[in-house]
Amino acid sequence: MSKIALLGITGRAGSRIANELLARGHSVTGIARKVDGVEARPGLSVQAADAKSVDALVPLLRGHDAVVSSTRFADGTDAATLIAAARQAGVPRLLVVGGAGSLEVAPGAALIDAPGFPDAYKPEAAAGGVMLAALRQEQELDWTFLSPSAIFEPGQRTAKFRVGGNSLLSDANGKSWISMEDYAIALVDEIENPKHSRQRFTVGY
């Protein structure tokens, strides 16, 4: 089993990724600014640190097989910090909980630019696009950026979903959605059986 460092373990997506990793027997180091409320469990250790600081992250990441970042883009860490911290710590893989805004809804047209995309979500979505663009320039680190579908909320763990590439997935009724529980399955599957090295992919129903 692998040793995984998880940034943003206290978040909605991060906590579900931790659950999936631990259920499969992986060892998890959960990292967040405040970890007081994180329940102690076998296989889990928690560390309080600022994910914007390379110096704070490096000693915590050292010795892990992969680092998963589930922090927000607009006010969390950025690509330069993540890449530098992983490199300096000697962690070979970086997996990022991405956003849906940069997914294509038509050739060359991103969801963030589609009519009706909520203004309130644009800063976070735009920052996610900047993160993806920076990762695509990275030649050394083995990175993966997993974008959820448009609606990304807590829900059921069904283990039934589709995997796509750079285009937004929608169901037969035009709804684009994935539960955080099923998203966590797809992310941990990628850790265990890498298929998207230096790529972005997406999951949805």
C-alpha atoms as a PDB file:
ATOM      1  CA  MET A   1       0.000   0.000   0.000  1.00  0.00           C
ATOM      2  CA  SER A   2       1.070   3.571  -0.634  1.00  0.00           C
ATOM      3  CA  LYS A   3       1.881   6.515   1.619  1.00  0.00           C
ATOM      4  CA  ILE A   4      -0.191   9.488   0.517  1.00  0.00           C
ATOM      5  CA  ALA A   5       0.067  13.105   1.654  1.00  0.00           C
ATOM      6  CA  LEU A   6      -3.322  14.796   1.381  1.00  0.00           C
ATOM      7  CA  LEU A   7      -3.543  18.586   1.368  1.00  0.00           C
ATOM      8  CA  GLY A   8      -6.937  19.917   2.403  1.00  0.00           C
ATOM      9  CA  ILE A   9      -8.101  16.899   4.385  1.00  0.00           C
ATOM     10  CA  THR A  10     -10.667  19.001   6.268  1.00  0.00           C
ATOM     11  CA  GLY A  11     -12.513  19.987   3.071  1.00  0.00           C
ATOM     12  CA  ARG A  12     -15.571  18.245   1.663  1.00  0.00           C
ATOM     13  CA  ALA A  13     -13.661  16.534  -1.160  1.00  0.00           C
ATOM     14  CA  GLY A  14     -10.505  15.995   0.878  1.00  0.00           C
ATOM     15  CA  SER A  15     -12.304  14.225   3.709  1.00  0.00           C
ATOM     16  CA  ARG A  16     -13.951  11.820   1.269  1.00  0.00           C
ATOM     17  CA  ILE A  17     -10.668  11.125  -0.497  1.00  0.00           C
ATOM     18  CA  ALA A  18      -9.167  10.333   2.911  1.00  0.00           C
ATOM     19  CA  ASN A  19     -12.025   7.935   3.620  1.00  0.00           C
ATOM     20  CA  GLU A  20     -11.463   6.115   0.323  1.00  0.00           C
ATOM     21  CA  LEU A  21      -7.689   5.899   0.792  1.00  0.00           C
ATOM     22  CA  LEU A  22      -7.989   4.575   4.339  1.00  0.00           C
ATOM     23  CA  ALA A  23     -10.701   2.074   3.376  1.00  0.00           C
ATOM     24  CA  ARG A  24      -8.296   0.610   0.818  1.00  0.00           C
ATOM     25  CA  GLY A  25      -5.482   0.327   3.333  1.00  0.00           C
ATOM     26  CA  HIS A  26      -3.307   3.244   2.298  1.00  0.00           C
ATOM     27  CA  SER A  27      -1.377   5.326   4.812  1.00  0.00           C
ATOM     28  CA  VAL A  28      -2.495   8.969   4.829  1.00  0.00           C
ATOM     29  CA  THR A  29      -0.868  12.123   6.150  1.00  0.00           C
ATOM     30  CA  GLY A  30      -3.628  14.709   6.262  1.00  0.00           C
ATOM     31  CA  ILE A  31      -2.485  18.322   6.025  1.00  0.00           C
ATOM     32  CA  ALA A  32      -4.571  21.467   6.597  1.00  0.00           C
ATOM     33  CA  ARG A  33      -4.274  24.860   8.271  1.00  0.00           C
ATOM     34  CA  LYS A  34      -6.401  23.620  11.173  1.00  0.00           C
ATOM     35  CA  VAL A  35      -6.698  19.925  11.922  1.00  0.00           C
ATOM     36  CA  ASP A  36      -8.310  20.065  15.376  1.00  0.00           C
ATOM     37  CA  GLY A  37     -11.543  18.458  14.201  1.00  0.00           C
ATOM     38  CA  VAL A  38     -10.010  15.585  12.225  1.00  0.00           C
ATOM     39  CA  GLU A  39     -10.941  12.251  13.784  1.00  0.00           C
ATOM     40  CA  ALA A  40      -8.017   9.963  14.670  1.00  0.00           C
ATOM     41  CA  ARG A  41      -8.123   6.723  12.711  1.00  0.00           C
ATOM     42  CA  PRO A  42      -5.733   3.841  12.037  1.00  0.00           C
ATOM     43  CA  GLY A  43      -3.482   4.691   9.110  1.00  0.00           C
ATOM     44  CA  LEU A  44      -4.069   8.442   9.421  1.00  0.00           C
ATOM     45  CA  SER A  45      -1.757  11.087  10.822  1.00  0.00           C
ATOM     46  CA  VAL A  46      -2.567  14.786  10.680  1.00  0.00           C
ATOM     47  CA  GLN A  47      -0.301  17.801  10.435  1.00  0.00           C
ATOM     48  CA  ALA A  48      -1.165  21.493  10.612  1.00  0.00           C
ATOM     49  CA  ALA A  49       0.612  23.498   7.899  1.00  0.00           C
ATOM     50  CA  ASP A  50       0.079  26.302   5.422  1.00  0.00           C
ATOM     51  CA  ALA A  51      -0.199  24.773   1.949  1.00  0.00           C
ATOM     52  CA  LYS A  52       1.040  28.061   0.472  1.00  0.00           C
ATOM     53  CA  SER A  53       4.481  27.567   2.051  1.00  0.00           C
ATOM     54  CA  VAL A  54       7.065  25.392   0.313  1.00  0.00           C
ATOM     55  CA  ASP A  55       9.239  25.369   3.446  1.00  0.00           C
ATOM     56  CA  ALA A  56       6.327  24.164   5.585  1.00  0.00           C
ATOM     57  CA  LEU A  57       5.296  21.450   3.125  1.00  0.00           C
ATOM     58  CA  VAL A  58       8.632  19.875   2.206  1.00  0.00           C
ATOM     59  CA  PRO A  59       9.343  18.082   5.519  1.00  0.00           C
ATOM     60  CA  LEU A  60       5.738  16.856   5.696  1.00  0.00           C
ATOM     61  CA  LEU A  61       5.739  15.502   2.132  1.00  0.00           C
ATOM     62  CA  ARG A  62       9.088  13.752   2.341  1.00  0.00           C
ATOM     63  CA  GLY A  63       8.843   9.949   2.238  1.00  0.00           C
ATOM     64  CA  HIS A  64       5.428   9.792   0.561  1.00  0.00           C
ATOM     65  CA  ASP A  65       4.619   8.029  -2.711  1.00  0.00           C
ATOM     66  CA  ALA A  66       2.243  10.751  -3.880  1.00  0.00           C
ATOM     67  CA  VAL A  67       0.728  14.043  -2.806  1.00  0.00           C
ATOM     68  CA  VAL A  68      -2.928  14.860  -3.421  1.00  0.00           C
ATOM     69  CA  SER A  69      -3.976  18.502  -3.349  1.00  0.00           C
ATOM     70  CA  SER A  70      -7.655  19.156  -2.616  1.00  0.00           C
ATOM     71  CA  THR A  71      -7.242  22.785  -1.586  1.00  0.00           C
ATOM     72  CA  ARG A  72      -9.125  25.638  -3.218  1.00  0.00           C
ATOM     73  CA  PHE A  73      -7.368  27.346  -6.121  1.00  0.00           C
ATOM     74  CA  ALA A  74      -8.323  30.971  -5.500  1.00  0.00           C
ATOM     75  CA  ASP A  75      -7.130  31.130  -1.903  1.00  0.00           C
ATOM     76  CA  GLY A  76      -5.197  27.881  -1.445  1.00  0.00           C
ATOM     77  CA  THR A  77      -1.922  26.692  -2.876  1.00  0.00           C
ATOM     78  CA  ASP A  78      -0.711  27.284  -6.433  1.00  0.00           C
ATOM     79  CA  ALA A  79       1.065  25.173  -9.031  1.00  0.00           C
ATOM     80  CA  ALA A  80       4.521  26.652  -8.405  1.00  0.00           C
ATOM     81  CA  THR A  81       4.291  25.927  -4.676  1.00  0.00           C
ATOM     82  CA  LEU A  82       2.972  22.394  -5.165  1.00  0.00           C
ATOM     83  CA  ILE A  83       5.545  21.489  -7.795  1.00  0.00           C
ATOM     84  CA  ALA A  84       8.451  22.969  -5.846  1.00  0.00           C
ATOM     85  CA  ALA A  85       7.392  21.266  -2.613  1.00  0.00           C
ATOM     86  CA  ALA A  86       6.931  17.876  -4.258  1.00  0.00           C
ATOM     87  CA  ARG A  87      10.245  18.107  -6.095  1.00  0.00           C
ATOM     88  CA  GLN A  88      12.209  19.189  -3.042  1.00  0.00           C
ATOM     89  CA  ALA A  89      10.577  16.464  -0.939  1.00  0.00           C
ATOM     90  CA  GLY A  90      11.336  13.823  -3.570  1.00  0.00           C
ATOM     91  CA  VAL A  91       7.677  12.864  -4.035  1.00  0.00           C
ATOM     92  CA  PRO A  92       7.302  11.463  -7.571  1.00  0.00           C
ATOM     93  CA  ARG A  93       3.559  12.010  -8.114  1.00  0.00           C
ATOM     94  CA  LEU A  94       1.164  14.932  -7.730  1.00  0.00           C
ATOM     95  CA  LEU A  95      -2.594  14.559  -8.108  1.00  0.00           C
ATOM     96  CA  VAL A  96      -4.811  17.643  -8.089  1.00  0.00           C
ATOM     97  CA  VAL A  97      -8.524  17.841  -7.363  1.00  0.00           C
ATOM     98  CA  GLY A  98      -9.411  19.989 -10.345  1.00  0.00           C
ATOM     99  CA  GLY A  99     -12.415  22.052 -11.338  1.00  0.00           C
ATOM    100  CA  ALA A 100     -14.969  21.680 -14.111  1.00  0.00           C
ATOM    101  CA  GLY A 101     -14.609  25.225 -15.464  1.00  0.00           C
ATOM    102  CA  SER A 102     -11.715  24.396 -17.771  1.00  0.00           C
ATOM    103  CA  LEU A 103     -13.509  21.398 -19.351  1.00  0.00           C
ATOM    104  CA  GLU A 104     -14.632  21.864 -22.944  1.00  0.00           C
ATOM    105  CA  VAL A 105     -18.324  22.093 -23.809  1.00  0.00           C
ATOM    106  CA  ALA A 106     -17.477  22.452 -27.515  1.00  0.00           C
ATOM    107  CA  PRO A 107     -14.158  22.379 -29.399  1.00  0.00           C
ATOM    108  CA  GLY A 108     -12.070  25.231 -27.997  1.00  0.00           C
ATOM    109  CA  ALA A 109     -14.901  26.454 -25.729  1.00  0.00           C
ATOM    110  CA  ALA A 110     -14.538  26.026 -21.952  1.00  0.00           C
ATOM    111  CA  LEU A 111     -17.415  25.681 -19.503  1.00  0.00           C
ATOM    112  CA  ILE A 112     -16.320  28.822 -17.637  1.00  0.00           C
ATOM    113  CA  ASP A 113     -17.028  30.864 -20.785  1.00  0.00           C
ATOM    114  CA  ALA A 114     -20.431  29.292 -21.464  1.00  0.00           C
ATOM    115  CA  PRO A 115     -23.587  31.410 -21.047  1.00  0.00           C
ATOM    116  CA  GLY A 116     -25.034  31.056 -17.582  1.00  0.00           C
ATOM    117  CA  PHE A 117     -21.845  30.045 -15.804  1.00  0.00           C
ATOM    118  CA  PRO A 118     -22.308  31.560 -12.306  1.00  0.00           C
ATOM    119  CA  ASP A 119     -20.247  34.695 -11.725  1.00  0.00           C
ATOM    120  CA  ALA A 120     -19.669  33.646  -8.110  1.00  0.00           C
ATOM    121  CA  TYR A 121     -17.734  30.570  -9.269  1.00  0.00           C
ATOM    122  CA  LYS A 122     -15.615  32.304 -11.909  1.00  0.00           C
ATOM    123  CA  PRO A 123     -12.631  33.338  -9.724  1.00  0.00           C
ATOM    124  CA  GLU A 124     -12.161  29.785  -8.436  1.00  0.00           C
ATOM    125  CA  ALA A 125     -12.719  28.258 -11.873  1.00  0.00           C
ATOM    126  CA  ALA A 126     -10.296  30.686 -13.518  1.00  0.00           C
ATOM    127  CA  ALA A 127      -7.647  29.914 -10.893  1.00  0.00           C
ATOM    128  CA  GLY A 128      -8.151  26.211 -11.577  1.00  0.00           C
ATOM    129  CA  GLY A 129      -7.506  26.826 -15.246  1.00  0.00           C
ATOM    130  CA  VAL A 130      -4.279  28.646 -14.376  1.00  0.00           C
ATOM    131  CA  MET A 131      -3.212  25.661 -12.258  1.00  0.00           C
ATOM    132  CA  LEU A 132      -3.881  23.224 -15.115  1.00  0.00           C
ATOM    133  CA  ALA A 133      -1.986  25.393 -17.608  1.00  0.00           C
ATOM    134  CA  ALA A 134       1.016  25.515 -15.267  1.00  0.00           C
ATOM    135  CA  LEU A 135       0.987  21.752 -14.759  1.00  0.00           C
ATOM    136  CA  ARG A 136       0.930  21.217 -18.520  1.00  0.00           C
ATOM    137  CA  GLN A 137       4.290  23.002 -18.685  1.00  0.00           C
ATOM    138  CA  GLU A 138       5.787  20.690 -16.034  1.00  0.00           C
ATOM    139  CA  GLN A 139       8.205  18.154 -17.528  1.00  0.00           C
ATOM    140  CA  GLU A 140       9.697  16.392 -14.495  1.00  0.00           C
ATOM    141  CA  LEU A 141       6.950  15.661 -11.993  1.00  0.00           C
ATOM    142  CA  ASP A 142       4.361  12.989 -12.794  1.00  0.00           C
ATOM    143  CA  TRP A 143       1.132  14.984 -12.369  1.00  0.00           C
ATOM    144  CA  THR A 144      -2.564  14.250 -12.870  1.00  0.00           C
ATOM    145  CA  PHE A 145      -5.426  16.776 -12.758  1.00  0.00           C
ATOM    146  CA  LEU A 146      -8.856  15.217 -12.180  1.00  0.00           C
ATOM    147  CA  SER A 147     -11.785  17.497 -13.011  1.00  0.00           C
ATOM    148  CA  PRO A 148     -15.195  16.670 -11.577  1.00  0.00           C
ATOM    149  CA  SER A 149     -18.412  17.244 -13.478  1.00  0.00           C
ATOM    150  CA  ALA A 150     -20.226  20.589 -13.264  1.00  0.00           C
ATOM    151  CA  ILE A 151     -22.192  19.630 -10.131  1.00  0.00           C
ATOM    152  CA  PHE A 152     -19.794  18.304  -7.490  1.00  0.00           C
ATOM    153  CA  GLU A 153     -21.491  17.661  -4.172  1.00  0.00           C
ATOM    154  CA  PRO A 154     -21.519  15.104  -1.347  1.00  0.00           C
ATOM    155  CA  GLY A 155     -23.731  12.146  -2.218  1.00  0.00           C
ATOM    156  CA  GLN A 156     -23.696   8.393  -2.581  1.00  0.00           C
ATOM    157  CA  ARG A 157     -20.809   6.029  -3.232  1.00  0.00           C
ATOM    158  CA  THR A 158     -22.156   4.053  -6.193  1.00  0.00           C
ATOM    159  CA  ALA A 159     -18.877   3.089  -7.910  1.00  0.00           C
ATOM    160  CA  LYS A 160     -20.729   3.546 -11.208  1.00  0.00           C
ATOM    161  CA  PHE A 161     -19.481   6.437 -13.302  1.00  0.00           C
ATOM    162  CA  ARG A 162     -17.856   7.274 -16.618  1.00  0.00           C
ATOM    163  CA  VAL A 163     -14.328   8.499 -17.250  1.00  0.00           C
ATOM    164  CA  GLY A 164     -13.616  11.157 -19.867  1.00  0.00           C
ATOM    165  CA  GLY A 165     -10.834  13.385 -21.124  1.00  0.00           C
ATOM    166  CA  ASN A 166     -10.992  17.153 -21.606  1.00  0.00           C
ATOM    167  CA  SER A 167     -14.722  17.427 -22.391  1.00  0.00           C
ATOM    168  CA  LEU A 168     -17.525  17.910 -19.886  1.00  0.00           C
ATOM    169  CA  LEU A 169     -19.518  14.722 -19.283  1.00  0.00           C
ATOM    170  CA  SER A 170     -23.312  14.886 -19.061  1.00  0.00           C
ATOM    171  CA  ASP A 171     -25.964  12.205 -18.556  1.00  0.00           C
ATOM    172  CA  ALA A 172     -28.844  11.429 -20.929  1.00  0.00           C
ATOM    173  CA  ASN A 173     -30.834  14.343 -19.515  1.00  0.00           C
ATOM    174  CA  GLY A 174     -28.005  16.830 -19.968  1.00  0.00           C
ATOM    175  CA  LYS A 175     -27.092  16.909 -16.284  1.00  0.00           C
ATOM    176  CA  SER A 176     -23.370  17.018 -15.520  1.00  0.00           C
ATOM    177  CA  TRP A 177     -22.681  15.699 -12.036  1.00  0.00           C
ATOM    178  CA  ILE A 178     -20.605  13.413  -9.838  1.00  0.00           C
ATOM    179  CA  SER A 179     -20.753  12.725  -6.116  1.00  0.00           C
ATOM    180  CA  MET A 180     -17.664  13.477  -4.067  1.00  0.00           C
ATOM    181  CA  GLU A 181     -17.713   9.851  -2.921  1.00  0.00           C
ATOM    182  CA  ASP A 182     -17.529   8.481  -6.477  1.00  0.00           C
ATOM    183  CA  TYR A 183     -14.995  11.136  -7.438  1.00  0.00           C
ATOM    184  CA  ALA A 184     -12.808   9.842  -4.589  1.00  0.00           C
ATOM    185  CA  ILE A 185     -13.016   6.339  -6.056  1.00  0.00           C
ATOM    186  CA  ALA A 186     -11.757   7.600  -9.422  1.00  0.00           C
ATOM    187  CA  LEU A 187      -8.894   9.516  -7.815  1.00  0.00           C
ATOM    188  CA  VAL A 188      -7.730   6.579  -5.702  1.00  0.00           C
ATOM    189  CA  ASP A 189      -8.081   4.272  -8.721  1.00  0.00           C
ATOM    190  CA  GLU A 190      -5.670   6.598 -10.522  1.00  0.00           C
ATOM    191  CA  ILE A 191      -3.222   6.419  -7.613  1.00  0.00           C
ATOM    192  CA  GLU A 192      -3.334   2.629  -7.594  1.00  0.00           C
ATOM    193  CA  ASN A 193      -3.414   2.107 -11.363  1.00  0.00           C
ATOM    194  CA  PRO A 194      -2.063   5.209 -13.159  1.00  0.00           C
ATOM    195  CA  LYS A 195      -3.605   5.792 -16.575  1.00  0.00           C
ATOM    196  CA  HIS A 196      -3.405   9.582 -16.898  1.00  0.00           C
ATOM    197  CA  SER A 197       0.219  10.555 -16.402  1.00  0.00           C
ATOM    198  CA  ARG A 198       0.722  14.284 -17.125  1.00  0.00           C
ATOM    199  CA  GLN A 199      -2.895  14.525 -18.217  1.00  0.00           C
ATOM    200  CA  ARG A 200      -6.213  15.959 -17.135  1.00  0.00           C
ATOM    201  CA  PHE A 201      -9.213  13.669 -17.073  1.00  0.00           C
ATOM    202  CA  THR A 202     -12.776  13.893 -15.781  1.00  0.00           C
ATOM    203  CA  VAL A 203     -15.470  11.712 -14.239  1.00  0.00           C
ATOM    204  CA  GLY A 204     -19.249  11.922 -14.332  1.00  0.00           C
ATOM    205  CA  TYR A 205     -22.454   9.942 -14.593  1.00  0.00           C
END
